[in-house]
Amino acid sequence: MLAHFSIQQPSFAIAPQLQEQAWTCSRTHSTQWAQWNGYINRICLQSVLPWLQTEINSQAALSFQDWEHINGSAISLGQKQLILVPDLSIDRSEIRVPQFWIDDENHAGDYYFAIQVDPDDAWIQIWGYATHHQLKAIGEYDACDRCYCLPSEALILDSTVFQVVQRLCPNEPTRFVETN
């Protein structure tokens, strides 16, 4: 008889005060899209960053965000960079990462966290992650919305793997390198 194994992904409740604060801060953005994007990204960042600091790297810190123009936040983990990619969709069939976070050498990440956000029920959940190499090597580029797409089957769905890799193999190669 096989033992049943269930993956528990980190989930976070979004406190009403955080929702209020995030909405107030996002109202400074110039368009409705940017305001909504800022709101979703802020609640994602404010929920996930404390977990990263406690469970992964106490030095984890925001290194870049431009919610006026792009979805996602960059978190510095020492020599590595993690990109939080929030999504409101209930469809977990793929992660869609804006091209900016992949092809811009100054902002590309090493790791990309797929994060489902449900602002109505006030929760978020990390549901998988991928490396830069995975997104470039096996992901597909969608020119219509300028995103790299990677099916969920190619994601690492257990965040515990990420924690173990950070402790045991912090210098793991993660970036795709073009060969001529």
N, C-alpha and C. Protein backbone atom coordinates (compact mmCIF):
# COMPACT_ATOMS: atom_id res chain seq x y z
N MET A 1 0.83 -1.18 0.00
CA MET A 1 0.00 0.00 0.00
C MET A 1 0.88 1.24 0.00
N LEU A 2 0.60 2.17 -0.90
CA LEU A 2 1.37 3.40 -0.98
C LEU A 2 0.84 4.43 0.00
N ALA A 3 1.77 5.16 0.60
CA ALA A 3 1.36 6.24 1.49
C ALA A 3 0.91 7.44 0.65
N HIS A 4 -0.10 8.11 1.12
CA HIS A 4 -0.59 9.30 0.43
C HIS A 4 0.26 10.49 0.86
N PHE A 5 0.78 11.22 -0.12
CA PHE A 5 1.61 12.39 0.17
C PHE A 5 0.90 13.63 -0.35
N SER A 6 0.74 14.59 0.50
CA SER A 6 0.08 15.83 0.11
C SER A 6 1.05 16.99 0.27
N ILE A 7 1.15 17.80 -0.77
CA ILE A 7 2.03 18.96 -0.72
C ILE A 7 1.25 20.11 -0.09
N GLN A 8 1.83 20.70 0.92
CA GLN A 8 1.22 21.87 1.54
C GLN A 8 1.98 23.10 1.05
N GLN A 9 1.31 23.94 0.33
CA GLN A 9 1.92 25.17 -0.16
C GLN A 9 1.63 26.29 0.83
N PRO A 10 2.60 27.21 0.97
CA PRO A 10 2.36 28.33 1.88
C PRO A 10 1.14 29.16 1.44
N SER A 11 0.26 29.39 2.38
CA SER A 11 -0.92 30.22 2.17
C SER A 11 -0.92 31.31 3.23
N PHE A 12 -1.47 32.45 2.86
CA PHE A 12 -1.46 33.58 3.77
C PHE A 12 -2.81 34.27 3.74
N ALA A 13 -3.34 34.56 4.91
CA ALA A 13 -4.56 35.36 5.01
C ALA A 13 -4.15 36.82 4.82
N ILE A 14 -5.00 37.57 4.16
CA ILE A 14 -4.75 38.99 3.95
C ILE A 14 -5.58 39.75 4.97
N ALA A 15 -4.90 40.37 5.91
CA ALA A 15 -5.59 41.12 6.96
C ALA A 15 -6.33 42.32 6.36
N PRO A 16 -7.50 42.66 6.91
CA PRO A 16 -8.24 43.82 6.40
C PRO A 16 -7.41 45.11 6.43
N GLN A 17 -6.56 45.27 7.45
CA GLN A 17 -5.71 46.46 7.53
C GLN A 17 -4.73 46.51 6.37
N LEU A 18 -4.20 45.34 5.98
CA LEU A 18 -3.27 45.28 4.85
C LEU A 18 -4.00 45.64 3.56
N GLN A 19 -5.21 45.13 3.40
CA GLN A 19 -5.99 45.45 2.21
C GLN A 19 -6.25 46.96 2.14
N GLU A 20 -6.61 47.54 3.25
CA GLU A 20 -6.87 48.99 3.30
C GLU A 20 -5.62 49.79 2.96
N GLN A 21 -4.52 49.42 3.59
CA GLN A 21 -3.25 50.13 3.36
C GLN A 21 -2.82 49.97 1.91
N ALA A 22 -2.92 48.76 1.37
CA ALA A 22 -2.51 48.52 -0.02
C ALA A 22 -3.35 49.33 -0.99
N TRP A 23 -4.66 49.40 -0.73
CA TRP A 23 -5.53 50.16 -1.62
C TRP A 23 -5.22 51.66 -1.54
N THR A 24 -5.00 52.15 -0.34
CA THR A 24 -4.66 53.57 -0.17
C THR A 24 -3.37 53.91 -0.92
N CYS A 25 -2.35 53.08 -0.79
CA CYS A 25 -1.08 53.32 -1.48
C CYS A 25 -1.22 53.21 -2.99
N SER A 26 -2.03 52.30 -3.45
CA SER A 26 -2.15 52.08 -4.90
C SER A 26 -2.93 53.19 -5.60
N ARG A 27 -3.70 53.94 -4.87
CA ARG A 27 -4.50 55.02 -5.47
C ARG A 27 -3.63 56.12 -6.06
N THR A 28 -2.35 56.14 -5.73
CA THR A 28 -1.44 57.16 -6.28
C THR A 28 -1.03 56.85 -7.72
N HIS A 29 -1.27 55.63 -8.18
CA HIS A 29 -0.91 55.27 -9.55
C HIS A 29 -1.83 55.98 -10.54
N SER A 30 -1.34 56.16 -11.77
CA SER A 30 -2.00 57.03 -12.74
C SER A 30 -3.22 56.45 -13.46
N THR A 31 -3.30 55.14 -13.59
CA THR A 31 -4.42 54.54 -14.31
C THR A 31 -5.12 53.51 -13.42
N GLN A 32 -6.33 53.12 -13.82
CA GLN A 32 -7.04 52.10 -13.06
C GLN A 32 -6.28 50.78 -13.08
N TRP A 33 -5.70 50.42 -14.26
CA TRP A 33 -4.92 49.19 -14.33
C TRP A 33 -3.74 49.23 -13.36
N ALA A 34 -3.02 50.35 -13.34
CA ALA A 34 -1.85 50.48 -12.46
C ALA A 34 -2.27 50.46 -10.99
N GLN A 35 -3.41 51.06 -10.67
CA GLN A 35 -3.90 51.03 -9.29
C GLN A 35 -4.21 49.60 -8.85
N TRP A 36 -4.91 48.86 -9.71
CA TRP A 36 -5.25 47.47 -9.38
C TRP A 36 -4.00 46.62 -9.30
N ASN A 37 -3.08 46.82 -10.25
CA ASN A 37 -1.82 46.09 -10.26
C ASN A 37 -1.01 46.39 -9.00
N GLY A 38 -0.96 47.65 -8.62
CA GLY A 38 -0.25 48.04 -7.40
C GLY A 38 -0.87 47.40 -6.17
N TYR A 39 -2.19 47.38 -6.13
CA TYR A 39 -2.89 46.79 -4.99
C TYR A 39 -2.57 45.30 -4.86
N ILE A 40 -2.74 44.56 -5.94
CA ILE A 40 -2.50 43.11 -5.92
C ILE A 40 -1.04 42.80 -5.57
N ASN A 41 -0.13 43.53 -6.19
CA ASN A 41 1.29 43.30 -5.93
C ASN A 41 1.69 43.67 -4.51
N ARG A 42 1.12 44.74 -3.98
CA ARG A 42 1.45 45.16 -2.61
C ARG A 42 0.99 44.12 -1.59
N ILE A 43 -0.26 43.62 -1.74
CA ILE A 43 -0.72 42.61 -0.77
C ILE A 43 0.09 41.32 -0.92
N CYS A 44 0.50 41.00 -2.13
CA CYS A 44 1.35 39.83 -2.36
C CYS A 44 2.71 40.02 -1.66
N LEU A 45 3.35 41.13 -1.93
CA LEU A 45 4.67 41.42 -1.34
C LEU A 45 4.60 41.45 0.19
N GLN A 46 3.62 42.16 0.74
CA GLN A 46 3.52 42.29 2.19
C GLN A 46 3.14 40.98 2.89
N SER A 47 2.59 40.05 2.15
CA SER A 47 2.25 38.74 2.71
C SER A 47 3.41 37.76 2.60
N VAL A 48 4.10 37.75 1.45
CA VAL A 48 5.14 36.75 1.20
C VAL A 48 6.50 37.15 1.79
N LEU A 49 6.84 38.43 1.76
CA LEU A 49 8.17 38.84 2.22
C LEU A 49 8.46 38.42 3.67
N PRO A 50 7.55 38.61 4.62
CA PRO A 50 7.85 38.14 5.99
C PRO A 50 8.11 36.63 6.06
N TRP A 51 7.36 35.86 5.27
CA TRP A 51 7.59 34.40 5.23
C TRP A 51 8.99 34.10 4.68
N LEU A 52 9.37 34.79 3.60
CA LEU A 52 10.72 34.59 3.04
C LEU A 52 11.79 34.92 4.07
N GLN A 53 11.60 36.01 4.80
CA GLN A 53 12.58 36.43 5.80
C GLN A 53 12.68 35.45 6.96
N THR A 54 11.57 34.83 7.31
CA THR A 54 11.55 33.88 8.42
C THR A 54 12.01 32.49 7.99
N GLU A 55 11.53 32.02 6.84
CA GLU A 55 11.75 30.63 6.44
C GLU A 55 12.94 30.42 5.49
N ILE A 56 13.33 31.42 4.72
CA ILE A 56 14.33 31.22 3.68
C ILE A 56 15.61 32.01 3.96
N ASN A 57 15.50 33.32 4.09
CA ASN A 57 16.69 34.17 4.20
C ASN A 57 16.30 35.43 4.96
N SER A 58 16.88 35.61 6.13
CA SER A 58 16.53 36.77 6.95
C SER A 58 16.87 38.09 6.27
N GLN A 59 17.75 38.06 5.27
CA GLN A 59 18.15 39.27 4.55
C GLN A 59 17.28 39.55 3.32
N ALA A 60 16.28 38.73 3.07
CA ALA A 60 15.40 38.94 1.91
C ALA A 60 14.82 40.34 1.96
N ALA A 61 14.91 41.04 0.82
CA ALA A 61 14.43 42.42 0.76
C ALA A 61 13.97 42.77 -0.64
N LEU A 62 13.00 43.67 -0.71
CA LEU A 62 12.53 44.16 -2.00
C LEU A 62 13.70 44.82 -2.72
N SER A 63 13.93 44.42 -3.98
CA SER A 63 15.02 45.04 -4.74
C SER A 63 14.51 45.85 -5.92
N PHE A 64 13.28 45.56 -6.40
CA PHE A 64 12.74 46.36 -7.50
C PHE A 64 11.26 46.08 -7.68
N GLN A 65 10.52 47.14 -7.95
CA GLN A 65 9.12 47.03 -8.35
C GLN A 65 8.77 48.28 -9.13
N ASP A 66 7.94 48.09 -10.13
CA ASP A 66 7.41 49.20 -10.93
C ASP A 66 5.98 48.85 -11.27
N TRP A 67 5.10 48.92 -10.28
CA TRP A 67 3.73 48.47 -10.45
C TRP A 67 2.92 49.40 -11.35
N GLU A 68 3.47 50.53 -11.67
CA GLU A 68 2.81 51.43 -12.62
C GLU A 68 2.80 50.80 -14.01
N HIS A 69 3.83 49.97 -14.30
CA HIS A 69 4.00 49.43 -15.66
C HIS A 69 4.07 47.92 -15.77
N ILE A 70 4.38 47.23 -14.67
CA ILE A 70 4.65 45.79 -14.79
C ILE A 70 4.12 45.03 -13.57
N ASN A 71 3.70 43.81 -13.81
CA ASN A 71 3.26 42.93 -12.73
C ASN A 71 4.47 42.21 -12.15
N GLY A 72 4.57 42.18 -10.83
CA GLY A 72 5.62 41.43 -10.17
C GLY A 72 6.50 42.30 -9.31
N SER A 73 7.26 41.63 -8.44
CA SER A 73 8.20 42.29 -7.54
C SER A 73 9.47 41.45 -7.49
N ALA A 74 10.61 42.12 -7.41
CA ALA A 74 11.89 41.42 -7.29
C ALA A 74 12.34 41.47 -5.83
N ILE A 75 12.73 40.31 -5.34
CA ILE A 75 13.22 40.17 -3.97
C ILE A 75 14.67 39.68 -4.03
N SER A 76 15.55 40.39 -3.36
CA SER A 76 16.94 39.98 -3.28
C SER A 76 17.09 38.93 -2.19
N LEU A 77 17.74 37.82 -2.55
CA LEU A 77 18.07 36.76 -1.59
C LEU A 77 19.59 36.62 -1.58
N GLY A 78 20.30 37.66 -1.27
CA GLY A 78 21.77 37.63 -1.36
C GLY A 78 22.20 37.72 -2.81
N GLN A 79 22.84 36.66 -3.31
CA GLN A 79 23.32 36.63 -4.69
C GLN A 79 22.23 36.24 -5.69
N LYS A 80 21.11 35.77 -5.22
CA LYS A 80 20.02 35.32 -6.09
C LYS A 80 18.86 36.31 -6.02
N GLN A 81 18.05 36.30 -7.07
CA GLN A 81 16.89 37.18 -7.11
C GLN A 81 15.63 36.33 -7.37
N LEU A 82 14.62 36.61 -6.59
CA LEU A 82 13.33 35.92 -6.67
C LEU A 82 12.30 36.92 -7.17
N ILE A 83 11.49 36.49 -8.14
CA ILE A 83 10.42 37.34 -8.66
C ILE A 83 9.08 36.77 -8.20
N LEU A 84 8.29 37.60 -7.54
CA LEU A 84 6.93 37.23 -7.15
C LEU A 84 6.01 37.58 -8.31
N VAL A 85 5.24 36.61 -8.79
CA VAL A 85 4.35 36.83 -9.93
C VAL A 85 2.92 36.53 -9.49
N PRO A 86 2.21 37.55 -8.98
CA PRO A 86 0.84 37.32 -8.55
C PRO A 86 -0.11 37.21 -9.73
N ASP A 87 -1.16 36.41 -9.53
CA ASP A 87 -2.17 36.21 -10.57
C ASP A 87 -3.52 36.02 -9.89
N LEU A 88 -4.54 36.66 -10.43
CA LEU A 88 -5.89 36.54 -9.87
C LEU A 88 -6.64 35.32 -10.38
N SER A 89 -6.14 34.69 -11.42
CA SER A 89 -6.82 33.58 -12.06
C SER A 89 -6.90 32.36 -11.14
N ILE A 90 -8.01 31.65 -11.22
CA ILE A 90 -8.11 30.38 -10.49
C ILE A 90 -7.50 29.24 -11.30
N ASP A 91 -7.19 29.53 -12.55
CA ASP A 91 -6.58 28.56 -13.46
C ASP A 91 -5.10 28.43 -13.14
N ARG A 92 -4.70 27.26 -12.67
CA ARG A 92 -3.29 27.02 -12.35
C ARG A 92 -2.62 26.15 -13.42
N SER A 93 -3.04 26.33 -14.66
CA SER A 93 -2.46 25.50 -15.72
C SER A 93 -1.10 26.00 -16.19
N GLU A 94 -0.76 27.27 -15.87
CA GLU A 94 0.53 27.80 -16.29
C GLU A 94 0.88 29.03 -15.46
N ILE A 95 2.16 29.35 -15.48
CA ILE A 95 2.63 30.62 -14.95
C ILE A 95 2.93 31.50 -16.15
N ARG A 96 2.56 32.78 -16.06
CA ARG A 96 2.81 33.75 -17.12
C ARG A 96 3.68 34.85 -16.53
N VAL A 97 4.92 34.92 -17.00
CA VAL A 97 5.89 35.87 -16.46
C VAL A 97 6.16 36.96 -17.50
N PRO A 98 5.96 38.22 -17.13
CA PRO A 98 6.25 39.30 -18.08
C PRO A 98 7.69 39.22 -18.60
N GLN A 99 7.83 39.47 -19.89
CA GLN A 99 9.13 39.40 -20.57
C GLN A 99 10.19 40.22 -19.84
N PHE A 100 9.81 41.35 -19.29
CA PHE A 100 10.73 42.22 -18.56
C PHE A 100 11.53 41.44 -17.53
N TRP A 101 10.85 40.55 -16.78
CA TRP A 101 11.51 39.81 -15.70
C TRP A 101 12.40 38.69 -16.20
N ILE A 102 12.33 38.39 -17.50
CA ILE A 102 13.13 37.31 -18.07
C ILE A 102 14.28 37.85 -18.91
N ASP A 103 13.98 38.78 -19.80
CA ASP A 103 14.96 39.21 -20.80
C ASP A 103 15.78 40.44 -20.42
N ASP A 104 15.35 41.22 -19.45
CA ASP A 104 16.12 42.38 -19.02
C ASP A 104 17.20 41.91 -18.04
N GLU A 105 18.46 41.93 -18.48
CA GLU A 105 19.55 41.38 -17.66
C GLU A 105 19.66 42.02 -16.29
N ASN A 106 19.28 43.29 -16.18
CA ASN A 106 19.38 43.99 -14.90
C ASN A 106 18.27 43.61 -13.92
N HIS A 107 17.21 43.01 -14.44
CA HIS A 107 16.07 42.70 -13.58
C HIS A 107 15.65 41.23 -13.61
N ALA A 108 16.27 40.43 -14.43
CA ALA A 108 15.91 39.02 -14.52
C ALA A 108 16.11 38.33 -13.17
N GLY A 109 15.23 37.39 -12.90
CA GLY A 109 15.32 36.65 -11.65
C GLY A 109 16.02 35.32 -11.83
N ASP A 110 16.30 34.70 -10.72
CA ASP A 110 16.80 33.33 -10.71
C ASP A 110 15.62 32.39 -10.51
N TYR A 111 14.67 32.83 -9.68
CA TYR A 111 13.48 32.03 -9.36
C TYR A 111 12.24 32.89 -9.56
N TYR A 112 11.13 32.23 -9.93
CA TYR A 112 9.86 32.90 -10.17
C TYR A 112 8.78 32.14 -9.41
N PHE A 113 8.15 32.80 -8.46
CA PHE A 113 7.08 32.19 -7.67
C PHE A 113 5.73 32.51 -8.30
N ALA A 114 4.96 31.47 -8.61
CA ALA A 114 3.58 31.61 -9.08
C ALA A 114 2.71 31.77 -7.84
N ILE A 115 1.98 32.89 -7.77
CA ILE A 115 1.20 33.19 -6.58
C ILE A 115 -0.24 33.49 -6.97
N GLN A 116 -1.15 32.69 -6.44
CA GLN A 116 -2.57 32.92 -6.67
C GLN A 116 -3.07 33.89 -5.60
N VAL A 117 -3.77 34.93 -6.05
CA VAL A 117 -4.29 35.95 -5.14
C VAL A 117 -5.81 35.96 -5.25
N ASP A 118 -6.47 35.89 -4.10
CA ASP A 118 -7.92 36.00 -4.06
C ASP A 118 -8.27 37.15 -3.11
N PRO A 119 -8.36 38.37 -3.64
CA PRO A 119 -8.62 39.52 -2.76
C PRO A 119 -10.02 39.49 -2.15
N ASP A 120 -10.98 38.86 -2.81
CA ASP A 120 -12.35 38.82 -2.28
C ASP A 120 -12.43 37.95 -1.02
N ASP A 121 -11.78 36.80 -1.05
CA ASP A 121 -11.78 35.92 0.12
C ASP A 121 -10.56 36.15 1.02
N ALA A 122 -9.73 37.13 0.65
CA ALA A 122 -8.61 37.61 1.46
C ALA A 122 -7.56 36.55 1.77
N TRP A 123 -7.04 35.91 0.72
CA TRP A 123 -5.93 34.98 0.89
C TRP A 123 -5.05 34.96 -0.35
N ILE A 124 -3.82 34.51 -0.17
CA ILE A 124 -2.91 34.25 -1.30
C ILE A 124 -2.22 32.92 -1.03
N GLN A 125 -1.74 32.30 -2.11
CA GLN A 125 -1.03 31.03 -1.97
C GLN A 125 0.07 30.92 -3.01
N ILE A 126 1.25 30.53 -2.56
CA ILE A 126 2.33 30.19 -3.47
C ILE A 126 2.01 28.80 -3.98
N TRP A 127 1.88 28.62 -5.29
CA TRP A 127 1.48 27.30 -5.78
C TRP A 127 2.55 26.61 -6.62
N GLY A 128 3.67 27.25 -6.82
CA GLY A 128 4.76 26.62 -7.55
C GLY A 128 5.83 27.63 -7.88
N TYR A 129 6.94 27.12 -8.40
CA TYR A 129 7.99 28.03 -8.83
C TYR A 129 8.79 27.40 -9.97
N ALA A 130 9.51 28.28 -10.67
CA ALA A 130 10.36 27.86 -11.78
C ALA A 130 11.65 28.68 -11.74
N THR A 131 12.64 28.21 -12.46
CA THR A 131 13.89 28.97 -12.58
C THR A 131 13.89 29.74 -13.90
N HIS A 132 14.79 30.67 -14.00
CA HIS A 132 14.99 31.43 -15.25
C HIS A 132 15.29 30.45 -16.38
N HIS A 133 16.14 29.47 -16.10
CA HIS A 133 16.50 28.48 -17.12
C HIS A 133 15.28 27.73 -17.63
N GLN A 134 14.40 27.30 -16.74
CA GLN A 134 13.18 26.60 -17.17
C GLN A 134 12.32 27.47 -18.07
N LEU A 135 12.13 28.72 -17.68
CA LEU A 135 11.27 29.61 -18.46
C LEU A 135 11.84 29.87 -19.85
N LYS A 136 13.16 30.06 -19.95
CA LYS A 136 13.78 30.34 -21.25
C LYS A 136 13.92 29.07 -22.10
N ALA A 137 14.26 27.95 -21.47
CA ALA A 137 14.54 26.72 -22.22
C ALA A 137 13.28 25.99 -22.66
N ILE A 138 12.26 25.92 -21.80
CA ILE A 138 11.08 25.14 -22.16
C ILE A 138 9.79 25.95 -22.15
N GLY A 139 9.85 27.18 -21.66
CA GLY A 139 8.67 28.04 -21.69
C GLY A 139 8.42 28.54 -23.11
N GLU A 140 7.22 29.00 -23.35
CA GLU A 140 6.88 29.57 -24.66
C GLU A 140 6.65 31.06 -24.50
N TYR A 141 7.16 31.82 -25.46
CA TYR A 141 6.97 33.26 -25.44
C TYR A 141 5.68 33.60 -26.17
N ASP A 142 4.81 34.37 -25.52
CA ASP A 142 3.55 34.82 -26.10
C ASP A 142 3.72 36.30 -26.46
N ALA A 143 3.89 36.57 -27.75
CA ALA A 143 4.14 37.95 -28.21
C ALA A 143 2.94 38.86 -28.01
N CYS A 144 1.72 38.30 -27.92
CA CYS A 144 0.52 39.13 -27.74
C CYS A 144 0.56 39.90 -26.42
N ASP A 145 0.93 39.23 -25.34
CA ASP A 145 0.98 39.94 -24.06
C ASP A 145 2.39 40.00 -23.49
N ARG A 146 3.36 39.65 -24.31
CA ARG A 146 4.79 39.75 -23.96
C ARG A 146 5.10 39.07 -22.63
N CYS A 147 4.70 37.79 -22.56
CA CYS A 147 4.94 36.96 -21.38
C CYS A 147 5.57 35.64 -21.79
N TYR A 148 6.37 35.09 -20.91
CA TYR A 148 6.83 33.72 -21.05
C TYR A 148 5.86 32.85 -20.27
N CYS A 149 5.43 31.75 -20.88
CA CYS A 149 4.45 30.86 -20.28
C CYS A 149 5.08 29.49 -20.07
N LEU A 150 4.85 28.96 -18.90
CA LEU A 150 5.37 27.64 -18.55
C LEU A 150 4.22 26.85 -17.95
N PRO A 151 3.93 25.65 -18.51
CA PRO A 151 2.81 24.86 -17.97
C PRO A 151 3.10 24.40 -16.54
N SER A 152 2.04 24.22 -15.79
CA SER A 152 2.18 23.85 -14.38
C SER A 152 2.93 22.52 -14.20
N GLU A 153 2.84 21.64 -15.21
CA GLU A 153 3.56 20.36 -15.12
C GLU A 153 5.07 20.56 -15.04
N ALA A 154 5.56 21.69 -15.54
CA ALA A 154 6.99 21.96 -15.54
C ALA A 154 7.44 22.72 -14.29
N LEU A 155 6.47 23.20 -13.50
CA LEU A 155 6.81 23.93 -12.28
C LEU A 155 7.20 22.97 -11.16
N ILE A 156 7.96 23.47 -10.23
CA ILE A 156 8.23 22.74 -9.00
C ILE A 156 7.11 23.16 -8.05
N LEU A 157 6.27 22.20 -7.68
CA LEU A 157 5.05 22.51 -6.95
C LEU A 157 5.19 22.46 -5.44
N ASP A 158 6.33 22.06 -4.95
CA ASP A 158 6.54 21.95 -3.51
C ASP A 158 7.54 23.01 -3.07
N SER A 159 7.09 23.99 -2.32
CA SER A 159 7.98 25.08 -1.88
C SER A 159 9.04 24.58 -0.91
N THR A 160 8.83 23.41 -0.32
CA THR A 160 9.85 22.83 0.55
C THR A 160 11.13 22.56 -0.24
N VAL A 161 10.98 22.19 -1.52
CA VAL A 161 12.15 21.98 -2.37
C VAL A 161 12.96 23.27 -2.46
N PHE A 162 12.28 24.39 -2.62
CA PHE A 162 12.97 25.68 -2.67
C PHE A 162 13.74 25.93 -1.38
N GLN A 163 13.13 25.66 -0.25
CA GLN A 163 13.79 25.87 1.04
C GLN A 163 15.04 25.00 1.16
N VAL A 164 14.94 23.74 0.75
CA VAL A 164 16.08 22.83 0.82
C VAL A 164 17.20 23.28 -0.12
N VAL A 165 16.85 23.65 -1.33
CA VAL A 165 17.86 24.12 -2.30
C VAL A 165 18.58 25.35 -1.76
N GLN A 166 17.85 26.27 -1.15
CA GLN A 166 18.48 27.49 -0.63
C GLN A 166 19.46 27.18 0.50
N ARG A 167 19.17 26.14 1.26
CA ARG A 167 20.07 25.78 2.37
C ARG A 167 21.25 24.92 1.90
N LEU A 168 20.99 23.96 1.01
CA LEU A 168 22.03 23.00 0.65
C LEU A 168 22.78 23.34 -0.63
N CYS A 169 22.15 24.03 -1.57
CA CYS A 169 22.77 24.34 -2.87
C CYS A 169 22.53 25.80 -3.24
N PRO A 170 22.97 26.74 -2.41
CA PRO A 170 22.65 28.14 -2.69
C PRO A 170 23.27 28.66 -3.99
N ASN A 171 24.27 27.98 -4.51
CA ASN A 171 24.91 28.40 -5.76
C ASN A 171 24.44 27.59 -6.96
N GLU A 172 23.31 26.93 -6.84
CA GLU A 172 22.74 26.16 -7.93
C GLU A 172 22.61 27.05 -9.17
N PRO A 173 23.04 26.58 -10.35
CA PRO A 173 22.84 27.38 -11.57
C PRO A 173 21.35 27.50 -11.89
N THR A 174 20.90 28.72 -12.10
CA THR A 174 19.48 28.95 -12.34
C THR A 174 19.21 29.73 -13.62
N ARG A 175 20.21 30.42 -14.11
CA ARG A 175 20.01 31.29 -15.28
C ARG A 175 20.28 30.54 -16.58
N PHE A 176 19.48 30.87 -17.57
CA PHE A 176 19.66 30.36 -18.92
C PHE A 176 20.80 31.13 -19.56
N VAL A 177 21.73 30.41 -20.16
CA VAL A 177 22.85 31.05 -20.83
C VAL A 177 22.79 30.69 -22.30
N GLU A 178 22.70 31.72 -23.14
CA GLU A 178 22.68 31.52 -24.58
C GLU A 178 24.02 30.96 -25.05
N THR A 179 23.99 29.95 -25.88
CA THR A 179 25.23 29.42 -26.48
C THR A 179 25.19 29.68 -27.96
N ASN A 180 26.29 30.07 -28.51
CA ASN A 180 26.35 30.40 -29.94
C ASN A 180 26.77 29.20 -30.75
